[in-house]
């Protein structure tokens, strides 16, 4: 350790700066989610969330909205966070440049789908340790009053679906 104290101080300063930047980025994302969720029209919130994230990631995202959905603001926040996580995963892990977000309603329920043309994966082979994205999406879907579906396989892309019973209006 002798002679390495300045190097250690420099690394600690860098780590502190990166931690502060990450903290501010998380706060910005949470504030954006709250603002989007509070928009009167949930379809517009879905469009805006998908479009803004696509710009940041450098992806092309098509957004389709059919029908109107009535959800409490807290449930909207969870669904918008799931959309963000699914798009980030498609970009980071699926290495895709294109994805589609669909919000559809019928008489009984609403569904949000995020599909991509990426690498896909075997959901049964995902290591659980240190990987929380899928678990958090499942928990968020439950907190929103719905459930999460996942369909993926290698070289076929991924489809993430959130079904929300009784959310149609």
N, C-alpha and C. Protein backbone atom coordinates (compact mmCIF):
# COMPACT_ATOMS: atom_id res chain seq x y z
N UNK A 1 0.82 -1.19 0.00
CA UNK A 1 0.00 0.00 0.00
C UNK A 1 0.87 1.26 0.00
N UNK A 2 2.16 1.09 0.35
CA UNK A 2 3.04 2.25 0.41
C UNK A 2 3.16 2.87 -0.98
N UNK A 3 3.02 4.19 -1.02
CA UNK A 3 3.17 4.89 -2.29
C UNK A 3 1.91 4.88 -3.14
N UNK A 4 0.86 4.23 -2.71
CA UNK A 4 -0.38 4.13 -3.50
C UNK A 4 -1.50 5.00 -2.92
N UNK A 5 -1.20 5.77 -1.88
CA UNK A 5 -2.27 6.53 -1.22
C UNK A 5 -2.88 7.58 -2.16
N UNK A 6 -2.09 8.24 -2.98
CA UNK A 6 -2.65 9.24 -3.90
C UNK A 6 -3.54 8.57 -4.94
N UNK A 7 -3.11 7.42 -5.42
CA UNK A 7 -3.93 6.67 -6.39
C UNK A 7 -5.25 6.25 -5.76
N UNK A 8 -5.21 5.80 -4.50
CA UNK A 8 -6.42 5.41 -3.78
C UNK A 8 -7.35 6.61 -3.59
N UNK A 9 -6.80 7.76 -3.22
CA UNK A 9 -7.61 8.98 -3.05
C UNK A 9 -8.29 9.36 -4.37
N UNK A 10 -7.54 9.26 -5.43
CA UNK A 10 -8.09 9.59 -6.75
C UNK A 10 -9.25 8.65 -7.10
N UNK A 11 -9.07 7.36 -6.86
CA UNK A 11 -10.14 6.40 -7.14
C UNK A 11 -11.35 6.65 -6.27
N UNK A 12 -11.14 7.01 -5.01
CA UNK A 12 -12.26 7.32 -4.13
C UNK A 12 -13.01 8.57 -4.59
N UNK A 13 -12.27 9.60 -5.05
CA UNK A 13 -12.93 10.80 -5.57
C UNK A 13 -13.78 10.44 -6.80
N UNK A 14 -13.22 9.63 -7.68
CA UNK A 14 -13.95 9.22 -8.87
C UNK A 14 -15.21 8.44 -8.49
N UNK A 15 -15.07 7.52 -7.55
CA UNK A 15 -16.23 6.72 -7.11
C UNK A 15 -17.29 7.62 -6.49
N UNK A 16 -16.87 8.60 -5.69
CA UNK A 16 -17.82 9.52 -5.06
C UNK A 16 -18.55 10.33 -6.13
N UNK A 17 -17.85 10.83 -7.12
CA UNK A 17 -18.47 11.61 -8.20
C UNK A 17 -19.45 10.77 -9.00
N UNK A 18 -19.06 9.53 -9.31
CA UNK A 18 -19.95 8.64 -10.06
C UNK A 18 -21.19 8.29 -9.24
N UNK A 19 -21.04 8.10 -7.94
CA UNK A 19 -22.18 7.81 -7.07
C UNK A 19 -23.14 8.99 -7.04
N UNK A 20 -22.60 10.20 -6.91
CA UNK A 20 -23.45 11.40 -6.92
C UNK A 20 -24.19 11.52 -8.25
N UNK A 21 -23.49 11.29 -9.35
CA UNK A 21 -24.13 11.38 -10.67
C UNK A 21 -25.24 10.35 -10.82
N UNK A 22 -24.99 9.12 -10.37
CA UNK A 22 -26.01 8.07 -10.43
C UNK A 22 -27.21 8.44 -9.57
N UNK A 23 -26.96 8.97 -8.38
CA UNK A 23 -28.03 9.39 -7.48
C UNK A 23 -28.91 10.44 -8.16
N UNK A 24 -28.30 11.44 -8.76
CA UNK A 24 -29.07 12.48 -9.43
C UNK A 24 -29.82 11.94 -10.64
N UNK A 25 -29.21 10.99 -11.34
CA UNK A 25 -29.89 10.40 -12.49
C UNK A 25 -31.12 9.62 -12.05
N UNK A 26 -31.01 8.85 -10.97
CA UNK A 26 -32.16 8.10 -10.45
C UNK A 26 -33.26 9.06 -10.02
N UNK A 27 -32.90 10.13 -9.34
CA UNK A 27 -33.91 11.11 -8.92
C UNK A 27 -34.61 11.74 -10.13
N UNK A 28 -33.86 12.01 -11.18
CA UNK A 28 -34.44 12.58 -12.39
C UNK A 28 -35.42 11.60 -13.03
N UNK A 29 -35.04 10.33 -13.11
CA UNK A 29 -35.92 9.31 -13.69
C UNK A 29 -37.20 9.19 -12.88
N UNK A 30 -37.09 9.16 -11.55
CA UNK A 30 -38.27 9.06 -10.69
C UNK A 30 -39.17 10.28 -10.88
N UNK A 31 -38.59 11.45 -10.94
CA UNK A 31 -39.38 12.67 -11.15
C UNK A 31 -40.07 12.63 -12.51
N UNK A 32 -39.37 12.16 -13.54
CA UNK A 32 -39.97 12.03 -14.87
C UNK A 32 -41.14 11.06 -14.84
N UNK A 33 -40.97 9.93 -14.15
CA UNK A 33 -42.05 8.95 -14.06
C UNK A 33 -43.27 9.55 -13.38
N UNK A 34 -43.05 10.26 -12.29
CA UNK A 34 -44.17 10.88 -11.58
C UNK A 34 -44.89 11.86 -12.48
N UNK A 35 -44.13 12.68 -13.19
CA UNK A 35 -44.73 13.67 -14.07
C UNK A 35 -45.51 13.00 -15.19
N UNK A 36 -44.94 11.98 -15.81
CA UNK A 36 -45.63 11.27 -16.90
C UNK A 36 -46.89 10.60 -16.37
N UNK A 37 -46.82 9.99 -15.19
CA UNK A 37 -47.95 9.25 -14.63
C UNK A 37 -49.12 10.18 -14.31
N UNK A 38 -48.83 11.43 -14.02
CA UNK A 38 -49.88 12.35 -13.64
C UNK A 38 -50.59 13.00 -14.83
N UNK A 39 -50.10 12.73 -16.04
CA UNK A 39 -50.81 13.25 -17.21
C UNK A 39 -52.22 12.68 -17.24
N UNK A 40 -53.16 13.46 -17.70
CA UNK A 40 -54.56 13.04 -17.70
C UNK A 40 -54.75 11.77 -18.53
N UNK A 41 -54.15 11.70 -19.68
CA UNK A 41 -54.34 10.57 -20.58
C UNK A 41 -53.18 9.59 -20.44
N UNK A 42 -53.46 8.38 -19.97
CA UNK A 42 -52.40 7.41 -19.75
C UNK A 42 -51.74 6.99 -21.07
N UNK A 43 -52.50 6.92 -22.14
CA UNK A 43 -51.93 6.60 -23.45
C UNK A 43 -50.86 7.60 -23.85
N UNK A 44 -51.10 8.88 -23.57
CA UNK A 44 -50.11 9.91 -23.87
C UNK A 44 -48.88 9.74 -22.98
N UNK A 45 -49.08 9.35 -21.73
CA UNK A 45 -47.96 9.12 -20.82
C UNK A 45 -47.11 7.96 -21.32
N UNK A 46 -47.74 6.90 -21.82
CA UNK A 46 -47.01 5.76 -22.37
C UNK A 46 -46.20 6.20 -23.59
N UNK A 47 -46.85 6.94 -24.48
CA UNK A 47 -46.15 7.44 -25.69
C UNK A 47 -44.93 8.28 -25.31
N UNK A 48 -45.13 9.21 -24.41
CA UNK A 48 -44.06 10.14 -24.04
C UNK A 48 -42.91 9.40 -23.36
N UNK A 49 -43.23 8.50 -22.46
CA UNK A 49 -42.20 7.72 -21.76
C UNK A 49 -41.37 6.92 -22.76
N UNK A 50 -42.04 6.22 -23.65
CA UNK A 50 -41.33 5.39 -24.64
C UNK A 50 -40.50 6.24 -25.58
N UNK A 51 -41.05 7.35 -26.05
CA UNK A 51 -40.35 8.22 -27.00
C UNK A 51 -39.12 8.87 -26.37
N UNK A 52 -39.27 9.39 -25.16
CA UNK A 52 -38.14 10.06 -24.51
C UNK A 52 -37.02 9.07 -24.20
N UNK A 53 -37.37 7.88 -23.74
CA UNK A 53 -36.34 6.89 -23.44
C UNK A 53 -35.67 6.42 -24.73
N UNK A 54 -36.44 6.24 -25.78
CA UNK A 54 -35.88 5.81 -27.07
C UNK A 54 -34.83 6.81 -27.55
N UNK A 55 -35.11 8.09 -27.39
CA UNK A 55 -34.14 9.11 -27.80
C UNK A 55 -32.86 8.99 -26.99
N UNK A 56 -32.99 8.78 -25.68
CA UNK A 56 -31.79 8.66 -24.83
C UNK A 56 -30.97 7.43 -25.18
N UNK A 57 -31.66 6.34 -25.55
CA UNK A 57 -30.96 5.09 -25.85
C UNK A 57 -30.50 5.00 -27.30
N UNK A 58 -31.00 5.87 -28.15
CA UNK A 58 -30.67 5.80 -29.57
C UNK A 58 -31.39 4.66 -30.26
N UNK A 59 -32.61 4.38 -29.81
CA UNK A 59 -33.42 3.30 -30.38
C UNK A 59 -34.59 3.88 -31.17
N UNK A 60 -35.14 3.07 -32.03
CA UNK A 60 -36.38 3.41 -32.71
C UNK A 60 -37.50 2.65 -32.00
N UNK A 61 -38.45 3.36 -31.43
CA UNK A 61 -39.56 2.73 -30.72
C UNK A 61 -40.87 3.18 -31.35
N UNK A 62 -41.66 2.21 -31.76
CA UNK A 62 -43.00 2.46 -32.27
C UNK A 62 -43.96 2.31 -31.10
N UNK A 63 -44.89 3.25 -30.97
CA UNK A 63 -45.83 3.21 -29.86
C UNK A 63 -47.25 3.19 -30.42
N UNK A 64 -48.04 2.21 -29.99
CA UNK A 64 -49.42 2.07 -30.46
C UNK A 64 -50.34 2.09 -29.25
N UNK A 65 -51.38 2.93 -29.31
CA UNK A 65 -52.32 3.05 -28.21
C UNK A 65 -53.73 2.85 -28.77
N UNK A 66 -54.47 1.91 -28.19
CA UNK A 66 -55.85 1.66 -28.61
C UNK A 66 -56.74 1.62 -27.38
N UNK A 67 -57.71 2.53 -27.31
CA UNK A 67 -58.63 2.57 -26.18
C UNK A 67 -58.11 3.45 -25.07
N UNK A 68 -58.93 3.59 -24.04
CA UNK A 68 -58.56 4.40 -22.88
C UNK A 68 -58.45 3.49 -21.66
N UNK A 69 -57.49 3.82 -20.81
CA UNK A 69 -57.23 3.02 -19.61
C UNK A 69 -57.36 3.90 -18.39
N UNK A 70 -58.06 3.41 -17.38
CA UNK A 70 -58.21 4.13 -16.13
C UNK A 70 -57.38 3.42 -15.06
N UNK A 71 -56.36 4.09 -14.58
CA UNK A 71 -55.50 3.54 -13.53
C UNK A 71 -55.21 4.62 -12.50
N UNK A 72 -55.06 4.23 -11.23
CA UNK A 72 -54.58 5.20 -10.24
C UNK A 72 -53.16 5.64 -10.60
N UNK A 73 -52.77 6.83 -10.16
CA UNK A 73 -51.45 7.38 -10.48
C UNK A 73 -50.34 6.43 -10.02
N UNK A 74 -50.48 5.82 -8.85
CA UNK A 74 -49.43 4.91 -8.37
C UNK A 74 -49.26 3.71 -9.30
N UNK A 75 -50.37 3.17 -9.81
CA UNK A 75 -50.29 2.05 -10.76
C UNK A 75 -49.67 2.50 -12.07
N UNK A 76 -50.00 3.71 -12.51
CA UNK A 76 -49.40 4.25 -13.73
C UNK A 76 -47.89 4.32 -13.60
N UNK A 77 -47.40 4.78 -12.45
CA UNK A 77 -45.96 4.89 -12.23
C UNK A 77 -45.30 3.52 -12.37
N UNK A 78 -45.92 2.49 -11.81
CA UNK A 78 -45.35 1.15 -11.90
C UNK A 78 -45.30 0.67 -13.35
N UNK A 79 -46.38 0.88 -14.08
CA UNK A 79 -46.43 0.42 -15.47
C UNK A 79 -45.40 1.19 -16.32
N UNK A 80 -45.29 2.48 -16.12
CA UNK A 80 -44.31 3.26 -16.87
C UNK A 80 -42.89 2.81 -16.54
N UNK A 81 -42.63 2.46 -15.28
CA UNK A 81 -41.30 1.96 -14.91
C UNK A 81 -41.03 0.61 -15.56
N UNK A 82 -42.04 -0.23 -15.70
CA UNK A 82 -41.87 -1.52 -16.38
C UNK A 82 -41.53 -1.29 -17.85
N UNK A 83 -42.22 -0.35 -18.48
CA UNK A 83 -41.92 -0.02 -19.88
C UNK A 83 -40.46 0.42 -20.00
N UNK A 84 -40.03 1.29 -19.11
CA UNK A 84 -38.64 1.76 -19.16
C UNK A 84 -37.66 0.60 -18.97
N UNK A 85 -37.90 -0.24 -17.98
CA UNK A 85 -36.99 -1.36 -17.72
C UNK A 85 -36.94 -2.31 -18.91
N UNK A 86 -38.09 -2.60 -19.51
CA UNK A 86 -38.13 -3.50 -20.66
C UNK A 86 -37.35 -2.93 -21.84
N UNK A 87 -37.50 -1.63 -22.08
CA UNK A 87 -36.76 -1.00 -23.18
C UNK A 87 -35.27 -0.95 -22.91
N UNK A 88 -34.89 -0.64 -21.69
CA UNK A 88 -33.47 -0.62 -21.34
C UNK A 88 -32.89 -2.02 -21.49
N UNK A 89 -33.61 -3.05 -21.03
CA UNK A 89 -33.13 -4.44 -21.18
C UNK A 89 -33.01 -4.82 -22.65
N UNK A 90 -33.98 -4.42 -23.46
CA UNK A 90 -33.93 -4.73 -24.89
C UNK A 90 -32.68 -4.13 -25.52
N UNK A 91 -32.36 -2.92 -25.12
CA UNK A 91 -31.18 -2.22 -25.65
C UNK A 91 -29.89 -2.84 -25.10
N UNK A 92 -29.81 -2.98 -23.78
CA UNK A 92 -28.57 -3.40 -23.12
C UNK A 92 -28.27 -4.88 -23.34
N UNK A 93 -29.26 -5.73 -23.13
CA UNK A 93 -29.03 -7.17 -23.20
C UNK A 93 -29.41 -7.78 -24.55
N UNK A 94 -30.47 -7.23 -25.17
CA UNK A 94 -30.92 -7.77 -26.45
C UNK A 94 -30.21 -7.15 -27.64
N UNK A 95 -29.47 -6.06 -27.38
CA UNK A 95 -28.71 -5.37 -28.43
C UNK A 95 -29.60 -5.00 -29.62
N UNK A 96 -30.82 -4.60 -29.34
CA UNK A 96 -31.74 -4.24 -30.41
C UNK A 96 -31.74 -2.74 -30.62
N UNK A 97 -32.10 -2.34 -31.79
CA UNK A 97 -32.22 -0.92 -32.12
C UNK A 97 -33.69 -0.56 -32.33
N UNK A 98 -34.58 -1.59 -32.31
CA UNK A 98 -36.01 -1.34 -32.56
C UNK A 98 -36.87 -2.10 -31.57
N UNK A 99 -37.93 -1.44 -31.14
CA UNK A 99 -38.88 -2.06 -30.22
C UNK A 99 -40.26 -1.45 -30.47
N UNK A 100 -41.27 -2.11 -29.94
CA UNK A 100 -42.65 -1.64 -30.04
C UNK A 100 -43.29 -1.66 -28.66
N UNK A 101 -44.02 -0.59 -28.36
CA UNK A 101 -44.79 -0.52 -27.11
C UNK A 101 -46.25 -0.40 -27.52
N UNK A 102 -47.11 -1.30 -26.97
CA UNK A 102 -48.54 -1.29 -27.28
C UNK A 102 -49.34 -1.19 -25.99
N UNK A 103 -50.33 -0.32 -25.99
CA UNK A 103 -51.31 -0.23 -24.91
C UNK A 103 -52.65 -0.52 -25.53
N UNK A 104 -53.29 -1.60 -25.11
CA UNK A 104 -54.59 -1.97 -25.67
C UNK A 104 -55.58 -2.22 -24.53
N UNK A 105 -56.82 -1.91 -24.79
CA UNK A 105 -57.87 -2.17 -23.81
C UNK A 105 -59.02 -2.90 -24.49
N UNK A 106 -59.73 -3.67 -23.70
CA UNK A 106 -60.99 -4.24 -24.15
C UNK A 106 -61.99 -4.02 -23.03
N UNK A 107 -63.10 -4.69 -23.05
CA UNK A 107 -64.13 -4.44 -22.04
C UNK A 107 -63.70 -4.82 -20.63
N UNK A 108 -62.80 -5.78 -20.52
CA UNK A 108 -62.45 -6.31 -19.20
C UNK A 108 -61.12 -5.85 -18.65
N UNK A 109 -60.16 -5.61 -19.51
CA UNK A 109 -58.83 -5.31 -18.98
C UNK A 109 -58.00 -4.48 -19.96
N UNK A 110 -56.81 -4.15 -19.51
CA UNK A 110 -55.86 -3.43 -20.34
C UNK A 110 -54.56 -4.23 -20.36
N UNK A 111 -53.81 -4.05 -21.41
CA UNK A 111 -52.51 -4.72 -21.52
C UNK A 111 -51.49 -3.76 -22.11
N UNK A 112 -50.30 -3.83 -21.56
CA UNK A 112 -49.17 -3.09 -22.10
C UNK A 112 -48.15 -4.13 -22.54
N UNK A 113 -47.73 -4.04 -23.79
CA UNK A 113 -46.73 -4.97 -24.33
C UNK A 113 -45.51 -4.18 -24.79
N UNK A 114 -44.35 -4.72 -24.48
CA UNK A 114 -43.09 -4.18 -25.00
C UNK A 114 -42.41 -5.34 -25.71
N UNK A 115 -42.26 -5.21 -27.02
CA UNK A 115 -41.62 -6.28 -27.79
C UNK A 115 -40.40 -5.71 -28.50
N UNK A 116 -39.43 -6.59 -28.69
CA UNK A 116 -38.22 -6.16 -29.39
C UNK A 116 -37.76 -7.24 -30.35
N UNK A 117 -36.88 -6.85 -31.24
CA UNK A 117 -36.32 -7.75 -32.25
C UNK A 117 -34.90 -8.15 -31.88
N UNK A 118 -34.60 -8.10 -30.59
CA UNK A 118 -33.23 -8.34 -30.12
C UNK A 118 -32.84 -9.80 -30.05
N UNK A 119 -31.76 -10.03 -29.32
CA UNK A 119 -31.17 -11.36 -29.23
C UNK A 119 -32.05 -12.36 -28.51
N UNK A 120 -32.95 -11.89 -27.64
CA UNK A 120 -33.76 -12.80 -26.85
C UNK A 120 -32.90 -13.57 -25.86
N UNK A 121 -33.54 -14.42 -25.07
CA UNK A 121 -32.82 -15.20 -24.07
C UNK A 121 -33.72 -16.33 -23.58
N UNK A 122 -33.14 -17.24 -22.86
CA UNK A 122 -33.89 -18.32 -22.23
C UNK A 122 -34.22 -17.88 -20.82
N UNK A 123 -35.50 -17.54 -20.53
CA UNK A 123 -35.85 -17.04 -19.20
C UNK A 123 -35.48 -18.02 -18.07
N UNK A 124 -35.47 -19.30 -18.35
CA UNK A 124 -35.10 -20.29 -17.34
C UNK A 124 -33.62 -20.31 -17.02
N UNK A 125 -32.83 -19.70 -17.89
CA UNK A 125 -31.38 -19.72 -17.71
C UNK A 125 -30.82 -18.41 -17.17
N UNK A 126 -31.70 -17.46 -16.83
CA UNK A 126 -31.24 -16.17 -16.33
C UNK A 126 -30.71 -16.36 -14.90
N UNK A 127 -29.46 -15.96 -14.66
CA UNK A 127 -28.93 -16.07 -13.30
C UNK A 127 -29.69 -15.13 -12.37
N UNK A 128 -30.12 -15.64 -11.23
CA UNK A 128 -30.91 -14.84 -10.30
C UNK A 128 -30.04 -13.90 -9.47
N UNK A 129 -28.84 -14.31 -9.17
CA UNK A 129 -27.98 -13.51 -8.31
C UNK A 129 -27.49 -12.26 -9.04
N UNK A 130 -27.74 -11.12 -8.46
CA UNK A 130 -27.26 -9.86 -9.04
C UNK A 130 -28.10 -9.35 -10.20
N UNK A 131 -29.16 -10.04 -10.57
CA UNK A 131 -30.05 -9.63 -11.67
C UNK A 131 -31.44 -9.40 -11.10
N UNK A 132 -31.84 -8.16 -11.00
CA UNK A 132 -33.11 -7.86 -10.34
C UNK A 132 -34.16 -7.28 -11.26
N UNK A 133 -33.81 -6.98 -12.50
CA UNK A 133 -34.74 -6.33 -13.41
C UNK A 133 -36.05 -7.08 -13.59
N UNK A 134 -35.98 -8.37 -13.89
CA UNK A 134 -37.20 -9.15 -14.10
C UNK A 134 -38.02 -9.27 -12.82
N UNK A 135 -37.34 -9.47 -11.71
CA UNK A 135 -38.04 -9.59 -10.43
C UNK A 135 -38.74 -8.29 -10.09
N UNK A 136 -38.05 -7.17 -10.29
CA UNK A 136 -38.66 -5.87 -9.99
C UNK A 136 -39.84 -5.61 -10.91
N UNK A 137 -39.74 -5.98 -12.18
CA UNK A 137 -40.88 -5.80 -13.09
C UNK A 137 -42.07 -6.62 -12.62
N UNK A 138 -41.84 -7.86 -12.18
CA UNK A 138 -42.94 -8.69 -11.66
C UNK A 138 -43.58 -8.05 -10.44
N UNK A 139 -42.76 -7.57 -9.52
CA UNK A 139 -43.28 -6.94 -8.32
C UNK A 139 -44.06 -5.67 -8.65
N UNK A 140 -43.55 -4.88 -9.59
CA UNK A 140 -44.25 -3.65 -9.99
C UNK A 140 -45.60 -3.98 -10.63
N UNK A 141 -45.64 -5.01 -11.45
CA UNK A 141 -46.91 -5.41 -12.08
C UNK A 141 -47.93 -5.78 -11.00
N UNK A 142 -47.50 -6.52 -9.99
CA UNK A 142 -48.39 -6.89 -8.89
C UNK A 142 -48.86 -5.66 -8.12
N UNK A 143 -47.95 -4.73 -7.85
CA UNK A 143 -48.32 -3.51 -7.13
C UNK A 143 -49.29 -2.65 -7.94
N UNK A 144 -49.23 -2.76 -9.27
CA UNK A 144 -50.15 -2.02 -10.14
C UNK A 144 -51.50 -2.72 -10.24
N UNK A 145 -51.62 -3.90 -9.63
CA UNK A 145 -52.88 -4.65 -9.68
C UNK A 145 -52.96 -5.63 -10.83
N UNK A 146 -51.84 -5.93 -11.46
CA UNK A 146 -51.85 -6.83 -12.60
C UNK A 146 -50.82 -7.92 -12.46
N UNK A 147 -50.46 -8.50 -13.59
CA UNK A 147 -49.40 -9.52 -13.57
C UNK A 147 -48.56 -9.38 -14.84
N UNK A 148 -47.34 -9.87 -14.73
CA UNK A 148 -46.35 -9.74 -15.80
C UNK A 148 -46.22 -11.06 -16.54
N UNK A 149 -46.17 -10.97 -17.86
CA UNK A 149 -45.88 -12.12 -18.70
C UNK A 149 -44.58 -11.89 -19.45
N UNK A 150 -43.86 -12.96 -19.71
CA UNK A 150 -42.58 -12.86 -20.41
C UNK A 150 -42.49 -13.99 -21.42
N UNK A 151 -42.20 -13.63 -22.66
CA UNK A 151 -42.02 -14.61 -23.72
C UNK A 151 -40.73 -14.27 -24.45
N UNK A 152 -39.76 -15.17 -24.39
CA UNK A 152 -38.49 -14.92 -25.06
C UNK A 152 -37.78 -16.23 -25.31
N UNK A 153 -36.97 -16.23 -26.32
CA UNK A 153 -36.06 -17.35 -26.57
C UNK A 153 -34.91 -16.79 -27.41
N UNK A 154 -33.77 -17.46 -27.36
CA UNK A 154 -32.60 -16.95 -28.10
C UNK A 154 -32.91 -16.72 -29.58
N UNK A 155 -32.42 -15.62 -30.10
CA UNK A 155 -32.54 -15.23 -31.50
C UNK A 155 -33.97 -14.92 -31.94
N UNK A 156 -34.90 -14.75 -31.00
CA UNK A 156 -36.30 -14.50 -31.36
C UNK A 156 -36.86 -13.22 -30.76
N UNK A 157 -36.06 -12.50 -29.99
CA UNK A 157 -36.56 -11.29 -29.36
C UNK A 157 -37.29 -11.60 -28.07
N UNK A 158 -37.88 -10.56 -27.51
CA UNK A 158 -38.55 -10.68 -26.21
C UNK A 158 -39.86 -9.91 -26.24
N UNK A 159 -40.87 -10.47 -25.55
CA UNK A 159 -42.16 -9.81 -25.36
C UNK A 159 -42.45 -9.77 -23.87
N UNK A 160 -42.58 -8.55 -23.34
CA UNK A 160 -42.96 -8.35 -21.94
C UNK A 160 -44.39 -7.81 -21.95
N UNK A 161 -45.29 -8.46 -21.20
CA UNK A 161 -46.70 -8.05 -21.16
C UNK A 161 -47.13 -7.80 -19.73
N UNK A 162 -47.83 -6.69 -19.53
CA UNK A 162 -48.45 -6.41 -18.24
C UNK A 162 -49.95 -6.39 -18.48
N UNK A 163 -50.69 -7.29 -17.80
CA UNK A 163 -52.14 -7.33 -17.89
C UNK A 163 -52.72 -6.70 -16.63
N UNK A 164 -53.67 -5.80 -16.84
CA UNK A 164 -54.28 -5.05 -15.75
C UNK A 164 -55.79 -5.24 -15.77
N UNK A 165 -56.30 -6.22 -15.01
CA UNK A 165 -57.75 -6.47 -15.00
C UNK A 165 -58.53 -5.26 -14.50
N UNK A 166 -59.67 -5.00 -15.13
CA UNK A 166 -60.54 -3.93 -14.69
C UNK A 166 -60.03 -2.53 -14.95
N UNK A 167 -59.01 -2.38 -15.79
CA UNK A 167 -58.42 -1.06 -16.02
C UNK A 167 -59.01 -0.35 -17.24
N UNK A 168 -59.86 -1.01 -17.99
CA UNK A 168 -60.42 -0.41 -19.20
C UNK A 168 -61.56 0.54 -18.82
N UNK A 169 -61.72 1.58 -19.63
CA UNK A 169 -62.86 2.49 -19.39
C UNK A 169 -63.60 2.74 -20.68
